Amino acid sequence: MPRLVFTPQLRRFTSTPELASGAVTLRALLDEAFELNPMLRGYVLDDQGHLRPNVVVFVDGRRSTERMRLDEERLAPDSTVHVLQALSGG
C-alpha cells in the first residue's frame, strides 16, 4: 500500500497524519489525509486545489513535477510519498 509521510515543518502548524492507503494517485492519497485533518489542505493546496508554491512532493525519491491536477501522478503499491515545505532564505 502506498505510504504518505509529511515532514516535520508542517507538524508545527497542524496534525500531519502518516497513512498507508490503497490510493493509486497522488490526489487520492492526499485527499485521504485531508479527510483525517481538513486543516491540512490549506497548508498543502491553494484555493484552486493546486500544490502551493512552497510545497514539494517526492514519490519514491523522485520530485513530482505534477502540481495542478495531481491525479496524473500514479502510485505503485509500494510507493512512498513525502510532502514537505520548500525552505528558502539565508
PDB file of N, CA and C in Angstrom:
ATOM      1  N   MET A   1       0.833  -1.183   0.000  1.00  0.00           N
ATOM      2  CA  MET A   1       0.000   0.000   0.000  1.00  0.00           C
ATOM      3  C   MET A   1       0.882   1.252   0.000  1.00  0.00           C
ATOM      4  N   PRO A   2       0.563   2.225  -0.839  1.00  0.00           N
ATOM      5  CA  PRO A   2       1.317   3.482  -0.816  1.00  0.00           C
ATOM      6  C   PRO A   2       1.277   4.119   0.576  1.00  0.00           C
ATOM      7  N   ARG A   3       2.378   4.742   0.936  1.00  0.00           N
ATOM      8  CA  ARG A   3       2.514   5.365   2.252  1.00  0.00           C
ATOM      9  C   ARG A   3       2.752   6.850   2.078  1.00  0.00           C
ATOM     10  N   LEU A   4       2.092   7.659   2.897  1.00  0.00           N
ATOM     11  CA  LEU A   4       2.210   9.111   2.850  1.00  0.00           C
ATOM     12  C   LEU A   4       2.881   9.599   4.129  1.00  0.00           C
ATOM     13  N   VAL A   5       3.921  10.434   3.952  1.00  0.00           N
ATOM     14  CA  VAL A   5       4.681  10.961   5.084  1.00  0.00           C
ATOM     15  C   VAL A   5       4.821  12.471   4.901  1.00  0.00           C
ATOM     16  N   PHE A   6       4.521  13.220   5.942  1.00  0.00           N
ATOM     17  CA  PHE A   6       4.726  14.662   5.939  1.00  0.00           C
ATOM     18  C   PHE A   6       5.968  14.960   6.766  1.00  0.00           C
ATOM     19  N   THR A   7       6.780  15.890   6.297  1.00  0.00           N
ATOM     20  CA  THR A   7       7.978  16.242   7.044  1.00  0.00           C
ATOM     21  C   THR A   7       7.609  17.128   8.241  1.00  0.00           C
ATOM     22  N   PRO A   8       8.502  17.221   9.212  1.00  0.00           N
ATOM     23  CA  PRO A   8       8.186  17.911  10.472  1.00  0.00           C
ATOM     24  C   PRO A   8       7.812  19.388  10.343  1.00  0.00           C
ATOM     25  N   GLN A   9       8.221  20.085   9.297  1.00  0.00           N
ATOM     26  CA  GLN A   9       7.886  21.505   9.185  1.00  0.00           C
ATOM     27  C   GLN A   9       6.383  21.736   9.297  1.00  0.00           C
ATOM     28  N   LEU A  10       5.588  20.906   8.644  1.00  0.00           N
ATOM     29  CA  LEU A  10       4.137  21.085   8.679  1.00  0.00           C
ATOM     30  C   LEU A  10       3.558  20.745  10.043  1.00  0.00           C
ATOM     31  N   ARG A  11       4.202  19.877  10.797  1.00  0.00           N
ATOM     32  CA  ARG A  11       3.699  19.498  12.120  1.00  0.00           C
ATOM     33  C   ARG A  11       3.705  20.667  13.096  1.00  0.00           C
ATOM     34  N   ARG A  12       4.468  21.700  12.800  1.00  0.00           N
ATOM     35  CA  ARG A  12       4.471  22.877  13.675  1.00  0.00           C
ATOM     36  C   ARG A  12       3.130  23.595  13.624  1.00  0.00           C
ATOM     37  N   PHE A  13       2.383  23.412  12.540  1.00  0.00           N
ATOM     38  CA  PHE A  13       1.150  24.167  12.325  1.00  0.00           C
ATOM     39  C   PHE A  13      -0.124  23.344  12.496  1.00  0.00           C
ATOM     40  N   THR A  14      -0.049  22.048  12.197  1.00  0.00           N
ATOM     41  CA  THR A  14      -1.251  21.215  12.248  1.00  0.00           C
ATOM     42  C   THR A  14      -0.858  19.747  12.300  1.00  0.00           C
ATOM     43  N   SER A  15      -1.797  18.913  12.615  1.00  0.00           N
ATOM     44  CA  SER A  15      -1.557  17.470  12.652  1.00  0.00           C
ATOM     45  C   SER A  15      -1.314  16.958  11.232  1.00  0.00           C
ATOM     46  N   THR A  16      -0.293  16.136  11.080  1.00  0.00           N
ATOM     47  CA  THR A  16       0.050  15.590   9.766  1.00  0.00           C
ATOM     48  C   THR A  16       0.044  14.067   9.856  1.00  0.00           C
ATOM     49  N   PRO A  17      -1.073  13.457   9.504  1.00  0.00           N
ATOM     50  CA  PRO A  17      -1.175  12.004   9.643  1.00  0.00           C
ATOM     51  C   PRO A  17      -0.281  11.275   8.645  1.00  0.00           C
ATOM     52  N   GLU A  18       0.397  10.238   9.140  1.00  0.00           N
ATOM     53  CA  GLU A  18       1.072   9.317   8.228  1.00  0.00           C
ATOM     54  C   GLU A  18       0.071   8.206   7.974  1.00  0.00           C
ATOM     55  N   LEU A  19      -0.060   7.816   6.739  1.00  0.00           N
ATOM     56  CA  LEU A  19      -1.046   6.786   6.459  1.00  0.00           C
ATOM     57  C   LEU A  19      -0.582   5.867   5.344  1.00  0.00           C
ATOM     58  N   ALA A  20      -1.127   4.685   5.376  1.00  0.00           N
ATOM     59  CA  ALA A  20      -0.965   3.726   4.290  1.00  0.00           C
ATOM     60  C   ALA A  20      -2.343   3.603   3.655  1.00  0.00           C
ATOM     61  N   SER A  21      -2.368   3.528   2.336  1.00  0.00           N
ATOM     62  CA  SER A  21      -3.641   3.616   1.635  1.00  0.00           C
ATOM     63  C   SER A  21      -3.609   2.764   0.374  1.00  0.00           C
ATOM     64  N   GLY A  22      -4.762   2.446  -0.110  1.00  0.00           N
ATOM     65  CA  GLY A  22      -4.887   1.755  -1.385  1.00  0.00           C
ATOM     66  C   GLY A  22      -4.986   2.710  -2.560  1.00  0.00           C
ATOM     67  N   ALA A  23      -4.745   3.993  -2.318  1.00  0.00           N
ATOM     68  CA  ALA A  23      -4.854   5.012  -3.368  1.00  0.00           C
ATOM     69  C   ALA A  23      -3.888   4.718  -4.511  1.00  0.00           C
ATOM     70  N   VAL A  24      -4.303   5.039  -5.725  1.00  0.00           N
ATOM     71  CA  VAL A  24      -3.448   4.799  -6.891  1.00  0.00           C
ATOM     72  C   VAL A  24      -2.941   6.096  -7.517  1.00  0.00           C
ATOM     73  N   THR A  25      -3.408   7.248  -6.999  1.00  0.00           N
ATOM     74  CA  THR A  25      -2.912   8.531  -7.490  1.00  0.00           C
ATOM     75  C   THR A  25      -2.523   9.410  -6.301  1.00  0.00           C
ATOM     76  N   LEU A  26      -1.674  10.377  -6.579  1.00  0.00           N
ATOM     77  CA  LEU A  26      -1.274  11.323  -5.556  1.00  0.00           C
ATOM     78  C   LEU A  26      -2.486  12.083  -5.027  1.00  0.00           C
ATOM     79  N   ARG A  27      -3.378  12.520  -5.889  1.00  0.00           N
ATOM     80  CA  ARG A  27      -4.578  13.255  -5.473  1.00  0.00           C
ATOM     81  C   ARG A  27      -5.398  12.436  -4.474  1.00  0.00           C
ATOM     82  N   ALA A  28      -5.641  11.172  -4.778  1.00  0.00           N
ATOM     83  CA  ALA A  28      -6.447  10.324  -3.897  1.00  0.00           C
ATOM     84  C   ALA A  28      -5.771  10.134  -2.546  1.00  0.00           C
ATOM     85  N   LEU A  29      -4.462   9.979  -2.546  1.00  0.00           N
ATOM     86  CA  LEU A  29      -3.726   9.798  -1.298  1.00  0.00           C
ATOM     87  C   LEU A  29      -3.798  11.059  -0.437  1.00  0.00           C
ATOM     88  N   LEU A  30      -3.582  12.218  -1.058  1.00  0.00           N
ATOM     89  CA  LEU A  30      -3.691  13.475  -0.317  1.00  0.00           C
ATOM     90  C   LEU A  30      -5.106  13.696   0.200  1.00  0.00           C
ATOM     91  N   ASP A  31      -6.102  13.382  -0.607  1.00  0.00           N
ATOM     92  CA  ASP A  31      -7.491  13.562  -0.170  1.00  0.00           C
ATOM     93  C   ASP A  31      -7.796  12.734   1.072  1.00  0.00           C
ATOM     94  N   GLU A  32      -7.211  11.543   1.172  1.00  0.00           N
ATOM     95  CA  GLU A  32      -7.417  10.724   2.372  1.00  0.00           C
ATOM     96  C   GLU A  32      -6.823  11.417   3.599  1.00  0.00           C
ATOM     97  N   ALA A  33      -5.649  12.014   3.448  1.00  0.00           N
ATOM     98  CA  ALA A  33      -5.039  12.745   4.564  1.00  0.00           C
ATOM     99  C   ALA A  33      -5.894  13.954   4.940  1.00  0.00           C
ATOM    100  N   PHE A  34      -6.458  14.632   3.945  1.00  0.00           N
ATOM    101  CA  PHE A  34      -7.293  15.803   4.219  1.00  0.00           C
ATOM    102  C   PHE A  34      -8.591  15.409   4.917  1.00  0.00           C
ATOM    103  N   GLU A  35      -9.076  14.202   4.661  1.00  0.00           N
ATOM    104  CA  GLU A  35     -10.259  13.729   5.373  1.00  0.00           C
ATOM    105  C   GLU A  35      -9.950  13.549   6.860  1.00  0.00           C
ATOM    106  N   LEU A  36      -8.728  13.102   7.172  1.00  0.00           N
ATOM    107  CA  LEU A  36      -8.321  12.920   8.565  1.00  0.00           C
ATOM    108  C   LEU A  36      -8.078  14.252   9.258  1.00  0.00           C
ATOM    109  N   ASN A  37      -7.580  15.245   8.518  1.00  0.00           N
ATOM    110  CA  ASN A  37      -7.355  16.583   9.068  1.00  0.00           C
ATOM    111  C   ASN A  37      -7.646  17.618   7.982  1.00  0.00           C
ATOM    112  N   PRO A  38      -8.868  18.132   7.923  1.00  0.00           N
ATOM    113  CA  PRO A  38      -9.236  19.101   6.895  1.00  0.00           C
ATOM    114  C   PRO A  38      -8.374  20.369   6.891  1.00  0.00           C
ATOM    115  N   MET A  39      -7.830  20.782   8.049  1.00  0.00           N
ATOM    116  CA  MET A  39      -6.984  21.975   8.097  1.00  0.00           C
ATOM    117  C   MET A  39      -5.705  21.810   7.283  1.00  0.00           C
ATOM    118  N   LEU A  40      -5.261  20.588   7.136  1.00  0.00           N
ATOM    119  CA  LEU A  40      -4.030  20.310   6.414  1.00  0.00           C
ATOM    120  C   LEU A  40      -4.120  20.739   4.953  1.00  0.00           C
ATOM    121  N   ARG A  41      -5.299  20.642   4.382  1.00  0.00           N
ATOM    122  CA  ARG A  41      -5.494  21.004   2.973  1.00  0.00           C
ATOM    123  C   ARG A  41      -4.980  22.415   2.675  1.00  0.00           C
ATOM    124  N   GLY A  42      -5.280  23.372   3.528  1.00  0.00           N
ATOM    125  CA  GLY A  42      -4.871  24.752   3.304  1.00  0.00           C
ATOM    126  C   GLY A  42      -3.365  24.968   3.359  1.00  0.00           C
ATOM    127  N   TYR A  43      -2.656  24.096   4.029  1.00  0.00           N
ATOM    128  CA  TYR A  43      -1.195  24.203   4.090  1.00  0.00           C
ATOM    129  C   TYR A  43      -0.531  23.586   2.861  1.00  0.00           C
ATOM    130  N   VAL A  44      -1.230  22.642   2.223  1.00  0.00           N
ATOM    131  CA  VAL A  44      -0.647  21.906   1.092  1.00  0.00           C
ATOM    132  C   VAL A  44      -1.159  22.426  -0.250  1.00  0.00           C
ATOM    133  N   LEU A  45      -2.453  22.741  -0.323  1.00  0.00           N
ATOM    134  CA  LEU A  45      -3.078  23.154  -1.582  1.00  0.00           C
ATOM    135  C   LEU A  45      -3.544  24.597  -1.516  1.00  0.00           C
ATOM    136  N   ASP A  46      -3.549  25.258  -2.668  1.00  0.00           N
ATOM    137  CA  ASP A  46      -4.097  26.612  -2.729  1.00  0.00           C
ATOM    138  C   ASP A  46      -5.611  26.542  -2.933  1.00  0.00           C
ATOM    139  N   ASP A  47      -6.251  27.685  -3.130  1.00  0.00           N
ATOM    140  CA  ASP A  47      -7.712  27.712  -3.252  1.00  0.00           C
ATOM    141  C   ASP A  47      -8.236  27.097  -4.548  1.00  0.00           C
ATOM    142  N   GLN A  48      -7.342  26.788  -5.483  1.00  0.00           N
ATOM    143  CA  GLN A  48      -7.742  26.112  -6.715  1.00  0.00           C
ATOM    144  C   GLN A  48      -7.445  24.619  -6.673  1.00  0.00           C
ATOM    145  N   GLY A  49      -6.929  24.141  -5.542  1.00  0.00           N
ATOM    146  CA  GLY A  49      -6.635  22.720  -5.400  1.00  0.00           C
ATOM    147  C   GLY A  49      -5.291  22.309  -5.967  1.00  0.00           C
ATOM    148  N   HIS A  50      -4.427  23.282  -6.265  1.00  0.00           N
ATOM    149  CA  HIS A  50      -3.084  23.000  -6.784  1.00  0.00           C
ATOM    150  C   HIS A  50      -2.093  23.045  -5.626  1.00  0.00           C
ATOM    151  N   LEU A  51      -0.959  22.365  -5.788  1.00  0.00           N
ATOM    152  CA  LEU A  51       0.073  22.439  -4.756  1.00  0.00           C
ATOM    153  C   LEU A  51       0.511  23.880  -4.580  1.00  0.00           C
ATOM    154  N   ARG A  52       0.669  24.292  -3.346  1.00  0.00           N
ATOM    155  CA  ARG A  52       1.186  25.629  -3.071  1.00  0.00           C
ATOM    156  C   ARG A  52       2.619  25.719  -3.586  1.00  0.00           C
ATOM    157  N   PRO A  53       3.065  26.915  -3.968  1.00  0.00           N
ATOM    158  CA  PRO A  53       4.426  27.078  -4.494  1.00  0.00           C
ATOM    159  C   PRO A  53       5.514  26.630  -3.523  1.00  0.00           C
ATOM    160  N   ASN A  54       5.243  26.707  -2.225  1.00  0.00           N
ATOM    161  CA  ASN A  54       6.261  26.332  -1.249  1.00  0.00           C
ATOM    162  C   ASN A  54       6.178  24.877  -0.801  1.00  0.00           C
ATOM    163  N   VAL A  55       5.370  24.073  -1.483  1.00  0.00           N
ATOM    164  CA  VAL A  55       5.228  22.654  -1.146  1.00  0.00           C
ATOM    165  C   VAL A  55       5.830  21.814  -2.273  1.00  0.00           C
ATOM    166  N   VAL A  56       6.598  20.808  -1.864  1.00  0.00           N
ATOM    167  CA  VAL A  56       7.235  19.902  -2.813  1.00  0.00           C
ATOM    168  C   VAL A  56       6.842  18.476  -2.438  1.00  0.00           C
ATOM    169  N   VAL A  57       6.587  17.655  -3.444  1.00  0.00           N
ATOM    170  CA  VAL A  57       6.213  16.257  -3.222  1.00  0.00           C
ATOM    171  C   VAL A  57       7.238  15.364  -3.908  1.00  0.00           C
ATOM    172  N   PHE A  58       7.682  14.358  -3.178  1.00  0.00           N
ATOM    173  CA  PHE A  58       8.567  13.338  -3.735  1.00  0.00           C
ATOM    174  C   PHE A  58       7.833  12.011  -3.707  1.00  0.00           C
ATOM    175  N   VAL A  59       7.827  11.324  -4.840  1.00  0.00           N
ATOM    176  CA  VAL A  59       7.233   9.998  -4.948  1.00  0.00           C
ATOM    177  C   VAL A  59       8.372   9.027  -5.222  1.00  0.00           C
ATOM    178  N   ASP A  60       8.586   8.124  -4.301  1.00  0.00           N
ATOM    179  CA  ASP A  60       9.661   7.140  -4.412  1.00  0.00           C
ATOM    180  C   ASP A  60      11.017   7.806  -4.660  1.00  0.00           C
ATOM    181  N   GLY A  61      11.247   8.913  -3.950  1.00  0.00           N
ATOM    182  CA  GLY A  61      12.525   9.609  -4.032  1.00  0.00           C
ATOM    183  C   GLY A  61      12.695  10.518  -5.233  1.00  0.00           C
ATOM    184  N   ARG A  62      11.684  10.616  -6.075  1.00  0.00           N
ATOM    185  CA  ARG A  62      11.727  11.455  -7.274  1.00  0.00           C
ATOM    186  C   ARG A  62      10.764  12.620  -7.109  1.00  0.00           C
ATOM    187  N   ARG A  63      11.277  13.827  -7.352  1.00  0.00           N
ATOM    188  CA  ARG A  63      10.419  15.002  -7.220  1.00  0.00           C
ATOM    189  C   ARG A  63       9.299  14.968  -8.255  1.00  0.00           C
ATOM    190  N   SER A  64       8.086  15.127  -7.787  1.00  0.00           N
ATOM    191  CA  SER A  64       6.933  15.141  -8.682  1.00  0.00           C
ATOM    192  C   SER A  64       6.868  16.479  -9.405  1.00  0.00           C
ATOM    193  N   THR A  65       6.649  16.432 -10.689  1.00  0.00           N
ATOM    194  CA  THR A  65       6.500  17.654 -11.469  1.00  0.00           C
ATOM    195  C   THR A  65       5.027  18.032 -11.624  1.00  0.00           C
ATOM    196  N   GLU A  66       4.139  17.151 -11.226  1.00  0.00           N
ATOM    197  CA  GLU A  66       2.705  17.408 -11.309  1.00  0.00           C
ATOM    198  C   GLU A  66       2.303  18.310 -10.138  1.00  0.00           C
ATOM    199  N   ARG A  67       1.819  19.514 -10.421  1.00  0.00           N
ATOM    200  CA  ARG A  67       1.483  20.471  -9.374  1.00  0.00           C
ATOM    201  C   ARG A  67       0.011  20.896  -9.410  1.00  0.00           C
ATOM    202  N   MET A  68      -0.685  20.571 -10.500  1.00  0.00           N
ATOM    203  CA  MET A  68      -2.044  21.078 -10.633  1.00  0.00           C
ATOM    204  C   MET A  68      -3.094  19.989 -10.418  1.00  0.00           C
ATOM    205  N   ARG A  69      -3.151  19.042 -11.295  1.00  0.00           N
ATOM    206  CA  ARG A  69      -4.209  18.034 -11.209  1.00  0.00           C
ATOM    207  C   ARG A  69      -3.932  16.990 -10.128  1.00  0.00           C
ATOM    208  N   LEU A  70      -2.704  16.585 -10.020  1.00  0.00           N
ATOM    209  CA  LEU A  70      -2.239  15.617  -9.025  1.00  0.00           C
ATOM    210  C   LEU A  70      -2.776  14.207  -9.233  1.00  0.00           C
ATOM    211  N   ASP A  71      -3.787  14.045 -10.074  1.00  0.00           N
ATOM    212  CA  ASP A  71      -4.281  12.689 -10.322  1.00  0.00           C
ATOM    213  C   ASP A  71      -3.558  12.027 -11.488  1.00  0.00           C
ATOM    214  N   GLU A  72      -2.650  12.760 -12.111  1.00  0.00           N
ATOM    215  CA  GLU A  72      -1.836  12.166 -13.179  1.00  0.00           C
ATOM    216  C   GLU A  72      -0.592  11.489 -12.614  1.00  0.00           C
ATOM    217  N   GLU A  73      -0.275  11.768 -11.352  1.00  0.00           N
ATOM    218  CA  GLU A  73       0.870  11.138 -10.687  1.00  0.00           C
ATOM    219  C   GLU A  73       0.397   9.800 -10.123  1.00  0.00           C
ATOM    220  N   ARG A  74       0.758   8.721 -10.812  1.00  0.00           N
ATOM    221  CA  ARG A  74       0.335   7.375 -10.419  1.00  0.00           C
ATOM    222  C   ARG A  74       1.255   6.824  -9.333  1.00  0.00           C
ATOM    223  N   LEU A  75       0.681   6.037  -8.446  1.00  0.00           N
ATOM    224  CA  LEU A  75       1.432   5.423  -7.358  1.00  0.00           C
ATOM    225  C   LEU A  75       1.487   3.917  -7.543  1.00  0.00           C
ATOM    226  N   ALA A  76       2.628   3.347  -7.204  1.00  0.00           N
ATOM    227  CA  ALA A  76       2.777   1.889  -7.199  1.00  0.00           C
ATOM    228  C   ALA A  76       2.299   1.369  -5.840  1.00  0.00           C
ATOM    229  N   PRO A  77       1.998   0.089  -5.749  1.00  0.00           N
ATOM    230  CA  PRO A  77       1.538  -0.457  -4.465  1.00  0.00           C
ATOM    231  C   PRO A  77       2.524  -0.251  -3.317  1.00  0.00           C
ATOM    232  N   ASP A  78       3.806  -0.111  -3.619  1.00  0.00           N
ATOM    233  CA  ASP A  78       4.802   0.059  -2.560  1.00  0.00           C
ATOM    234  C   ASP A  78       5.400   1.474  -2.538  1.00  0.00           C
ATOM    235  N   SER A  79       4.719   2.429  -3.143  1.00  0.00           N
ATOM    236  CA  SER A  79       5.227   3.802  -3.205  1.00  0.00           C
ATOM    237  C   SER A  79       5.286   4.451  -1.827  1.00  0.00           C
ATOM    238  N   THR A  80       6.263   5.347  -1.670  1.00  0.00           N
ATOM    239  CA  THR A  80       6.339   6.218  -0.504  1.00  0.00           C
ATOM    240  C   THR A  80       6.305   7.654  -1.014  1.00  0.00           C
ATOM    241  N   VAL A  81       5.403   8.444  -0.454  1.00  0.00           N
ATOM    242  CA  VAL A  81       5.222   9.834  -0.857  1.00  0.00           C
ATOM    243  C   VAL A  81       5.604  10.721   0.319  1.00  0.00           C
ATOM    244  N   HIS A  82       6.531  11.643   0.082  1.00  0.00           N
ATOM    245  CA  HIS A  82       6.934  12.614   1.096  1.00  0.00           C
ATOM    246  C   HIS A  82       6.438  14.000   0.666  1.00  0.00           C
ATOM    247  N   VAL A  83       5.795  14.691   1.576  1.00  0.00           N
ATOM    248  CA  VAL A  83       5.309  16.050   1.337  1.00  0.00           C
ATOM    249  C   VAL A  83       6.080  16.966   2.267  1.00  0.00           C
ATOM    250  N   LEU A  84       6.700  17.997   1.685  1.00  0.00           N
ATOM    251  CA  LEU A  84       7.479  18.920   2.517  1.00  0.00           C
ATOM    252  C   LEU A  84       7.323  20.340   2.019  1.00  0.00           C
ATOM    253  N   GLN A  85       7.631  21.261   2.917  1.00  0.00           N
ATOM    254  CA  GLN A  85       7.658  22.665   2.542  1.00  0.00           C
ATOM    255  C   GLN A  85       9.053  22.978   2.051  1.00  0.00           C
ATOM    256  N   ALA A  86       9.127  23.616   0.883  1.00  0.00           N
ATOM    257  CA  ALA A  86      10.405  24.056   0.372  1.00  0.00           C
ATOM    258  C   ALA A  86      10.830  25.279   1.172  1.00  0.00           C
ATOM    259  N   LEU A  87      12.014  25.240   1.722  1.00  0.00           N
ATOM    260  CA  LEU A  87      12.500  26.349   2.542  1.00  0.00           C
ATOM    261  C   LEU A  87      13.461  27.194   1.750  1.00  0.00           C
ATOM    262  N   SER A  88      13.467  28.481   2.029  1.00  0.00           N
ATOM    263  CA  SER A  88      14.408  29.378   1.362  1.00  0.00           C
ATOM    264  C   SER A  88      14.906  30.384   2.379  1.00  0.00           C
ATOM    265  N   GLY A  89      15.853  31.124   2.005  1.00  0.00           N
ATOM    266  CA  GLY A  89      16.388  32.130   2.902  1.00  0.00           C
ATOM    267  C   GLY A  89      17.859  31.907   3.171  1.00  0.00           C
ATOM    268  N   GLY A  90      18.399  32.699   4.054  1.00  0.00           N
ATOM    269  CA  GLY A  90      19.816  32.566   4.304  1.00  0.00           C
ATOM    270  C   GLY A  90      20.155  32.540   5.749  1.00  0.00           C
TER     271      GLY A  90
END
